[in-house]
Amino acid sequence: MENKCIIRKSRAKLAQDSCVPEKSAFRLSIAHLHGLHPELHLRLPKKESNHCRELKCCYSASIDGFSALNFHGRCDFKGPCVVVAYTAAGFKFGAFNPEGYRSTDDYYDTFDAFLFYWKESGSGGEEPPVVLPKVGGSGAAIFDYARGGPQFGADGLLIGPPLSPVMGVFTGPDASAGVGDLRQAKSRLGLSYAKREDGKESIFGDVGKATLAEVQVFCSPQIASLY
C-alpha cells in the first residue's frame, strides 16, 4: 500500500499530519527547507523551488519495516532526501542528504549535508529546528552502506549502522548478514557535524545512543524521476 505521508507547504512552523499513529508526522515545504540551510537550494533543480511542489514520504519504518534492507528498498535512487525521526522518548531530529542513496558501500563528500533537531519547548509551542552544519571539511559527509541505514559522518549520526564490518562493494555470498536495525541510533558531534548550540556532543543531548520509534524519509517524486 502506497505510503501517503506528504510534506506540504508551511512557512511558519512544522505542522502535524496523521501518517504516524498517535504521533505527529512532519510537513515541510521545499521553501521551508531552504530556510533551514542556505545552500539547500543549490542541490535541487530550479524547477523544484516552486512552492507547490510536494515532498513525498517514500519510507516510514513503522510501516515498511526497520531493517536497513527495507530502508534501501524504498529509498535508493530517489535523489536528495530528508530524514526525520522520533526517539522512543519523543525527541525529534533529522538530516538532509543531498546525494541520495544507492547502496554503494561508499561515502560522499559534500558541505551541503546537515543535521537538525527540535528543542523541547516549555511554552507548548514548537520552535524552528536547530541546524548542525558539516564541519571539518567536506570529506565523508554521508555513508551509503547497503546493510546500514542513514549515516552522516563517521560518527555524527548513525541510524541502523551495519552489524558487521563493510569490506567494500562486494559484501559476500550472504548480503543479508549483519543488516542494521533502524530502531538503533547513535551520535557524536564535533568532528564531522557541529555540536548542539548548548554544547552537547550528541544530537540526543546527554546520551550518545537512542532507541527510535519512527524513521521517515522524504523525497521529491519530480527529482526521483531524473534518477
C-alpha atoms as a PDB file:
ATOM      1  CA  MET A   1       0.000   0.000   0.000  1.00  0.00           C
ATOM      2  CA  GLU A   2       1.463   3.301  -1.019  1.00  0.00           C
ATOM      3  CA  ASN A   3       2.637   5.460   1.828  1.00  0.00           C
ATOM      4  CA  LYS A   4       0.591   8.643   1.950  1.00  0.00           C
ATOM      5  CA  CYS A   5       2.899  10.773   4.073  1.00  0.00           C
ATOM      6  CA  ILE A   6       3.378  14.092   2.280  1.00  0.00           C
ATOM      7  CA  ILE A   7       5.247  17.205   3.285  1.00  0.00           C
ATOM      8  CA  ARG A   8       3.215  20.252   2.343  1.00  0.00           C
ATOM      9  CA  LYS A   9       3.842  23.979   2.294  1.00  0.00           C
ATOM     10  CA  SER A  10       4.270  25.585   5.716  1.00  0.00           C
ATOM     11  CA  ARG A  11       6.322  28.739   6.139  1.00  0.00           C
ATOM     12  CA  ALA A  12       5.656  29.494   9.779  1.00  0.00           C
ATOM     13  CA  LYS A  13       6.295  26.173  11.506  1.00  0.00           C
ATOM     14  CA  LEU A  14       6.102  22.402  11.288  1.00  0.00           C
ATOM     15  CA  ALA A  15       2.513  21.287  11.050  1.00  0.00           C
ATOM     16  CA  GLN A  16       1.068  17.967  12.136  1.00  0.00           C
ATOM     17  CA  ASP A  17      -0.172  15.122   9.964  1.00  0.00           C
ATOM     18  CA  SER A  18      -1.859  11.794  10.700  1.00  0.00           C
ATOM     19  CA  CYS A  19       0.548   9.458   8.930  1.00  0.00           C
ATOM     20  CA  VAL A  20       2.117   8.006  12.098  1.00  0.00           C
ATOM     21  CA  PRO A  21      -0.451   6.592  14.546  1.00  0.00           C
ATOM     22  CA  GLU A  22      -0.522   8.533  17.826  1.00  0.00           C
ATOM     23  CA  LYS A  23       2.455  10.631  16.743  1.00  0.00           C
ATOM     24  CA  SER A  24       2.768  13.783  14.672  1.00  0.00           C
ATOM     25  CA  ALA A  25       4.460  13.452  11.306  1.00  0.00           C
ATOM     26  CA  PHE A  26       6.306  16.270   9.574  1.00  0.00           C
ATOM     27  CA  ARG A  27       5.181  18.600   6.828  1.00  0.00           C
ATOM     28  CA  LEU A  28       7.822  20.831   5.273  1.00  0.00           C
ATOM     29  CA  SER A  29       7.756  22.751   2.063  1.00  0.00           C
ATOM     30  CA  ILE A  30      10.851  22.958  -0.092  1.00  0.00           C
ATOM     31  CA  ALA A  31      10.786  26.663   0.742  1.00  0.00           C
ATOM     32  CA  HIS A  32      10.985  25.852   4.460  1.00  0.00           C
ATOM     33  CA  LEU A  33      13.945  23.551   3.841  1.00  0.00           C
ATOM     34  CA  HIS A  34      15.681  26.407   2.029  1.00  0.00           C
ATOM     35  CA  GLY A  35      15.250  28.369   5.249  1.00  0.00           C
ATOM     36  CA  LEU A  36      16.863  25.590   7.272  1.00  0.00           C
ATOM     37  CA  HIS A  37      20.062  25.785   5.268  1.00  0.00           C
ATOM     38  CA  PRO A  38      21.008  28.487   2.744  1.00  0.00           C
ATOM     39  CA  GLU A  39      22.845  26.043   0.479  1.00  0.00           C
ATOM     40  CA  LEU A  40      19.989  23.575   0.146  1.00  0.00           C
ATOM     41  CA  HIS A  41      18.502  25.256  -2.911  1.00  0.00           C
ATOM     42  CA  LEU A  42      21.753  24.686  -4.776  1.00  0.00           C
ATOM     43  CA  ARG A  43      21.197  20.930  -4.553  1.00  0.00           C
ATOM     44  CA  LEU A  44      17.680  20.950  -6.024  1.00  0.00           C
ATOM     45  CA  PRO A  45      16.714  21.602  -9.661  1.00  0.00           C
ATOM     46  CA  LYS A  46      15.470  25.151 -10.110  1.00  0.00           C
ATOM     47  CA  LYS A  47      12.010  23.961 -11.084  1.00  0.00           C
ATOM     48  CA  GLU A  48      11.708  22.350  -7.639  1.00  0.00           C
ATOM     49  CA  SER A  49      11.746  25.756  -5.965  1.00  0.00           C
ATOM     50  CA  ASN A  50       8.080  26.068  -6.915  1.00  0.00           C
ATOM     51  CA  HIS A  51       6.330  26.189  -3.536  1.00  0.00           C
ATOM     52  CA  CYS A  52       3.542  23.927  -4.793  1.00  0.00           C
ATOM     53  CA  ARG A  53       5.934  21.024  -5.159  1.00  0.00           C
ATOM     54  CA  GLU A  54       5.421  18.305  -2.571  1.00  0.00           C
ATOM     55  CA  LEU A  55       7.957  16.074  -0.893  1.00  0.00           C
ATOM     56  CA  LYS A  56       6.576  12.577  -0.558  1.00  0.00           C
ATOM     57  CA  CYS A  57       7.259  10.180   2.305  1.00  0.00           C
ATOM     58  CA  CYS A  58       8.934   7.332   0.434  1.00  0.00           C
ATOM     59  CA  TYR A  59       9.813   5.347   3.574  1.00  0.00           C
ATOM     60  CA  SER A  60       8.233   5.018   7.003  1.00  0.00           C
ATOM     61  CA  ALA A  61       9.905   2.438   9.236  1.00  0.00           C
ATOM     62  CA  SER A  62       6.764   1.718  11.267  1.00  0.00           C
ATOM     63  CA  ILE A  63       5.006   0.720   8.029  1.00  0.00           C
ATOM     64  CA  ASP A  64       7.781  -0.542   5.748  1.00  0.00           C
ATOM     65  CA  GLY A  65       9.975  -2.209   8.382  1.00  0.00           C
ATOM     66  CA  PHE A  66      13.005  -1.186  10.437  1.00  0.00           C
ATOM     67  CA  SER A  67      15.545  -3.308   8.542  1.00  0.00           C
ATOM     68  CA  ALA A  68      18.198  -1.438   6.566  1.00  0.00           C
ATOM     69  CA  LEU A  69      17.165  -3.575   3.585  1.00  0.00           C
ATOM     70  CA  ASN A  70      13.636  -2.186   3.863  1.00  0.00           C
ATOM     71  CA  PHE A  71      15.103   1.308   4.026  1.00  0.00           C
ATOM     72  CA  HIS A  72      17.210   0.894   0.872  1.00  0.00           C
ATOM     73  CA  GLY A  73      14.413  -0.878  -0.961  1.00  0.00           C
ATOM     74  CA  ARG A  74      12.264   2.228  -0.554  1.00  0.00           C
ATOM     75  CA  CYS A  75      14.882   4.997  -0.708  1.00  0.00           C
ATOM     76  CA  ASP A  76      17.572   4.038  -3.223  1.00  0.00           C
ATOM     77  CA  PHE A  77      17.684   6.104  -6.429  1.00  0.00           C
ATOM     78  CA  LYS A  78      15.156   8.647  -5.161  1.00  0.00           C
ATOM     79  CA  GLY A  79      17.554  11.593  -5.239  1.00  0.00           C
ATOM     80  CA  PRO A  80      18.209  14.122  -2.433  1.00  0.00           C
ATOM     81  CA  CYS A  81      16.128  13.373   0.619  1.00  0.00           C
ATOM     82  CA  VAL A  82      15.220  14.471   4.129  1.00  0.00           C
ATOM     83  CA  VAL A  83      15.347  12.030   7.051  1.00  0.00           C
ATOM     84  CA  VAL A  84      13.125  12.754  10.058  1.00  0.00           C
ATOM     85  CA  ALA A  85      12.908  10.540  13.140  1.00  0.00           C
ATOM     86  CA  TYR A  86      11.473  10.205  16.645  1.00  0.00           C
ATOM     87  CA  THR A  87      13.125   8.565  19.612  1.00  0.00           C
ATOM     88  CA  ALA A  88      11.026   6.388  21.899  1.00  0.00           C
ATOM     89  CA  ALA A  89      11.091   9.316  24.350  1.00  0.00           C
ATOM     90  CA  GLY A  90       9.581  11.674  21.743  1.00  0.00           C
ATOM     91  CA  PHE A  91      12.706  13.633  20.778  1.00  0.00           C
ATOM     92  CA  LYS A  92      12.531  14.792  17.132  1.00  0.00           C
ATOM     93  CA  PHE A  93      15.528  15.163  14.852  1.00  0.00           C
ATOM     94  CA  GLY A  94      16.610  14.669  11.270  1.00  0.00           C
ATOM     95  CA  ALA A  95      19.118  15.225   8.492  1.00  0.00           C
ATOM     96  CA  PHE A  96      19.386  16.276   4.850  1.00  0.00           C
ATOM     97  CA  ASN A  97      21.180  14.064   2.330  1.00  0.00           C
ATOM     98  CA  PRO A  98      21.879  15.981  -0.911  1.00  0.00           C
ATOM     99  CA  GLU A  99      23.374  12.921  -2.627  1.00  0.00           C
ATOM    100  CA  GLY A 100      20.621  10.350  -2.085  1.00  0.00           C
ATOM    101  CA  TYR A 101      21.087   6.611  -1.510  1.00  0.00           C
ATOM    102  CA  ARG A 102      22.294   3.926  -3.933  1.00  0.00           C
ATOM    103  CA  SER A 103      23.695   1.144  -1.676  1.00  0.00           C
ATOM    104  CA  THR A 104      27.230   1.807  -2.919  1.00  0.00           C
ATOM    105  CA  ASP A 105      29.068   0.837   0.285  1.00  0.00           C
ATOM    106  CA  ASP A 106      30.945   4.082  -0.188  1.00  0.00           C
ATOM    107  CA  TYR A 107      30.881   7.623   1.174  1.00  0.00           C
ATOM    108  CA  TYR A 108      30.205  11.033  -0.363  1.00  0.00           C
ATOM    109  CA  ASP A 109      31.980  14.340   0.198  1.00  0.00           C
ATOM    110  CA  THR A 110      29.778  17.409   0.497  1.00  0.00           C
ATOM    111  CA  PHE A 111      29.307  20.573   2.521  1.00  0.00           C
ATOM    112  CA  ASP A 112      25.586  20.568   1.774  1.00  0.00           C
ATOM    113  CA  ALA A 113      24.509  17.809   4.160  1.00  0.00           C
ATOM    114  CA  PHE A 114      23.370  18.851   7.633  1.00  0.00           C
ATOM    115  CA  LEU A 115      21.659  17.560  10.755  1.00  0.00           C
ATOM    116  CA  PHE A 116      18.829  19.248  12.653  1.00  0.00           C
ATOM    117  CA  TYR A 117      16.815  18.788  15.824  1.00  0.00           C
ATOM    118  CA  TRP A 118      13.959  20.379  17.695  1.00  0.00           C
ATOM    119  CA  LYS A 119      14.496  21.850  21.125  1.00  0.00           C
ATOM    120  CA  GLU A 120      11.989  20.950  23.807  1.00  0.00           C
ATOM    121  CA  SER A 121       9.641  23.864  24.362  1.00  0.00           C
ATOM    122  CA  GLY A 122       8.084  24.552  27.717  1.00  0.00           C
ATOM    123  CA  SER A 123       5.635  27.057  26.283  1.00  0.00           C
ATOM    124  CA  GLY A 124       3.561  24.487  24.440  1.00  0.00           C
ATOM    125  CA  GLY A 125       4.644  25.755  21.027  1.00  0.00           C
ATOM    126  CA  GLU A 126       7.239  24.314  18.698  1.00  0.00           C
ATOM    127  CA  GLU A 127      10.308  26.319  17.781  1.00  0.00           C
ATOM    128  CA  PRO A 128      12.043  26.017  14.403  1.00  0.00           C
ATOM    129  CA  PRO A 129      14.595  23.204  14.228  1.00  0.00           C
ATOM    130  CA  VAL A 130      18.243  23.889  15.038  1.00  0.00           C
ATOM    131  CA  VAL A 131      20.623  23.134  12.154  1.00  0.00           C
ATOM    132  CA  LEU A 132      24.002  21.449  12.699  1.00  0.00           C
ATOM    133  CA  PRO A 133      26.189  22.011   9.601  1.00  0.00           C
ATOM    134  CA  LYS A 134      29.068  19.915   8.316  1.00  0.00           C
ATOM    135  CA  VAL A 135      32.393  20.796   9.940  1.00  0.00           C
ATOM    136  CA  GLY A 136      35.996  19.674   9.479  1.00  0.00           C
ATOM    137  CA  GLY A 137      35.890  19.829   5.687  1.00  0.00           C
ATOM    138  CA  SER A 138      33.569  18.206   3.194  1.00  0.00           C
ATOM    139  CA  GLY A 139      35.065  14.721   3.464  1.00  0.00           C
ATOM    140  CA  ALA A 140      32.987  11.656   4.299  1.00  0.00           C
ATOM    141  CA  ALA A 141      29.823  13.632   4.970  1.00  0.00           C
ATOM    142  CA  ILE A 142      27.487  10.746   4.094  1.00  0.00           C
ATOM    143  CA  PHE A 143      27.980   6.967   4.197  1.00  0.00           C
ATOM    144  CA  ASP A 144      25.836   4.778   1.939  1.00  0.00           C
ATOM    145  CA  TYR A 145      26.155   1.246   3.300  1.00  0.00           C
ATOM    146  CA  ALA A 146      23.861  -1.338   1.668  1.00  0.00           C
ATOM    147  CA  ARG A 147      23.407  -3.071   5.036  1.00  0.00           C
ATOM    148  CA  GLY A 148      23.039   0.112   7.060  1.00  0.00           C
ATOM    149  CA  GLY A 149      20.554   2.936   7.467  1.00  0.00           C
ATOM    150  CA  PRO A 150      21.191   6.686   7.184  1.00  0.00           C
ATOM    151  CA  GLN A 151      24.693   7.625   8.316  1.00  0.00           C
ATOM    152  CA  PHE A 152      26.080  11.155   8.447  1.00  0.00           C
ATOM    153  CA  GLY A 153      29.804  11.325   9.003  1.00  0.00           C
ATOM    154  CA  ALA A 154      31.804   8.574  10.627  1.00  0.00           C
ATOM    155  CA  ASP A 155      30.174   9.370  13.956  1.00  0.00           C
ATOM    156  CA  GLY A 156      27.828  12.379  13.566  1.00  0.00           C
ATOM    157  CA  LEU A 157      24.575  10.426  13.255  1.00  0.00           C
ATOM    158  CA  LEU A 158      24.209   6.694  12.628  1.00  0.00           C
ATOM    159  CA  ILE A 159      20.739   5.176  12.298  1.00  0.00           C
ATOM    160  CA  GLY A 160      20.790   1.393  11.984  1.00  0.00           C
ATOM    161  CA  PRO A 161      24.513   1.016  11.244  1.00  0.00           C
ATOM    162  CA  PRO A 162      25.684  -2.331   9.773  1.00  0.00           C
ATOM    163  CA  LEU A 163      26.148  -5.007  12.415  1.00  0.00           C
ATOM    164  CA  SER A 164      29.266  -6.384  10.734  1.00  0.00           C
ATOM    165  CA  PRO A 165      32.233  -4.685   9.057  1.00  0.00           C
ATOM    166  CA  VAL A 166      31.763  -3.450   5.499  1.00  0.00           C
ATOM    167  CA  MET A 167      34.671  -4.702   3.396  1.00  0.00           C
ATOM    168  CA  GLY A 168      33.854  -2.916   0.144  1.00  0.00           C
ATOM    169  CA  VAL A 169      31.298  -3.082  -2.631  1.00  0.00           C
ATOM    170  CA  PHE A 170      31.278  -6.903  -2.545  1.00  0.00           C
ATOM    171  CA  THR A 171      29.574  -7.939   0.707  1.00  0.00           C
ATOM    172  CA  GLY A 172      29.954 -11.714   0.368  1.00  0.00           C
ATOM    173  CA  PRO A 173      27.547 -14.518  -0.514  1.00  0.00           C
ATOM    174  CA  ASP A 174      25.050 -13.549   2.204  1.00  0.00           C
ATOM    175  CA  ALA A 175      24.371  -9.852   1.770  1.00  0.00           C
ATOM    176  CA  SER A 176      21.660 -10.023   4.457  1.00  0.00           C
ATOM    177  CA  ALA A 177      24.172 -10.840   7.222  1.00  0.00           C
ATOM    178  CA  GLY A 178      24.768  -8.036   9.694  1.00  0.00           C
ATOM    179  CA  VAL A 179      21.908  -5.863   8.452  1.00  0.00           C
ATOM    180  CA  GLY A 180      21.308  -2.791  10.615  1.00  0.00           C
ATOM    181  CA  ASP A 181      18.166  -2.192  12.668  1.00  0.00           C
ATOM    182  CA  LEU A 182      16.879   1.375  12.282  1.00  0.00           C
ATOM    183  CA  ARG A 183      15.465   1.282  15.807  1.00  0.00           C
ATOM    184  CA  GLN A 184      19.032   1.834  16.997  1.00  0.00           C
ATOM    185  CA  ALA A 185      20.817   5.174  16.632  1.00  0.00           C
ATOM    186  CA  LYS A 186      23.924   6.830  17.989  1.00  0.00           C
ATOM    187  CA  SER A 187      25.569  10.214  17.649  1.00  0.00           C
ATOM    188  CA  ARG A 188      28.803  12.005  18.445  1.00  0.00           C
ATOM    189  CA  LEU A 189      29.079  15.609  17.356  1.00  0.00           C
ATOM    190  CA  GLY A 190      32.063  17.898  16.929  1.00  0.00           C
ATOM    191  CA  LEU A 191      34.258  16.059  14.419  1.00  0.00           C
ATOM    192  CA  SER A 192      32.046  15.773  11.333  1.00  0.00           C
ATOM    193  CA  TYR A 193      28.979  17.829  12.294  1.00  0.00           C
ATOM    194  CA  ALA A 194      28.728  20.815  14.610  1.00  0.00           C
ATOM    195  CA  LYS A 195      27.884  20.385  18.269  1.00  0.00           C
ATOM    196  CA  ARG A 196      24.480  21.397  19.533  1.00  0.00           C
ATOM    197  CA  GLU A 197      24.038  25.032  20.428  1.00  0.00           C
ATOM    198  CA  ASP A 198      24.026  24.034  24.120  1.00  0.00           C
ATOM    199  CA  GLY A 199      27.476  22.476  23.604  1.00  0.00           C
ATOM    200  CA  LYS A 200      26.328  18.874  23.960  1.00  0.00           C
ATOM    201  CA  GLU A 201      28.206  16.358  21.851  1.00  0.00           C
ATOM    202  CA  SER A 202      25.288  14.174  20.808  1.00  0.00           C
ATOM    203  CA  ILE A 203      22.242  15.151  18.804  1.00  0.00           C
ATOM    204  CA  PHE A 204      20.269  13.362  21.526  1.00  0.00           C
ATOM    205  CA  GLY A 205      21.653  15.623  24.240  1.00  0.00           C
ATOM    206  CA  ASP A 206      23.053  13.901  27.317  1.00  0.00           C
ATOM    207  CA  VAL A 207      23.105  10.403  25.831  1.00  0.00           C
ATOM    208  CA  GLY A 208      25.056   9.085  22.895  1.00  0.00           C
ATOM    209  CA  LYS A 209      22.586   6.368  21.907  1.00  0.00           C
ATOM    210  CA  ALA A 210      18.825   6.234  21.461  1.00  0.00           C
ATOM    211  CA  THR A 211      16.050   3.805  20.582  1.00  0.00           C
ATOM    212  CA  LEU A 212      13.866   5.078  17.754  1.00  0.00           C
ATOM    213  CA  ALA A 213      10.114   4.715  17.399  1.00  0.00           C
ATOM    214  CA  GLU A 214       9.923   6.001  13.824  1.00  0.00           C
ATOM    215  CA  VAL A 215      12.164   6.945  10.896  1.00  0.00           C
ATOM    216  CA  GLN A 216      10.751   8.648   7.807  1.00  0.00           C
ATOM    217  CA  VAL A 217      12.456   9.623   4.569  1.00  0.00           C
ATOM    218  CA  PHE A 218      11.021  12.287   2.275  1.00  0.00           C
ATOM    219  CA  CYS A 219      11.910  12.819  -1.366  1.00  0.00           C
ATOM    220  CA  SER A 220      10.568  14.700  -4.364  1.00  0.00           C
ATOM    221  CA  PRO A 221       8.875  12.473  -6.984  1.00  0.00           C
ATOM    222  CA  GLN A 222       9.921  15.017  -9.618  1.00  0.00           C
ATOM    223  CA  ILE A 223      13.578  14.693  -8.619  1.00  0.00           C
ATOM    224  CA  ALA A 224      13.344  10.902  -8.286  1.00  0.00           C
ATOM    225  CA  SER A 225      12.167  10.667 -11.889  1.00  0.00           C
ATOM    226  CA  LEU A 226      15.557  12.033 -13.006  1.00  0.00           C
ATOM    227  CA  TYR A 227      17.418   9.071 -11.446  1.00  0.00           C
END
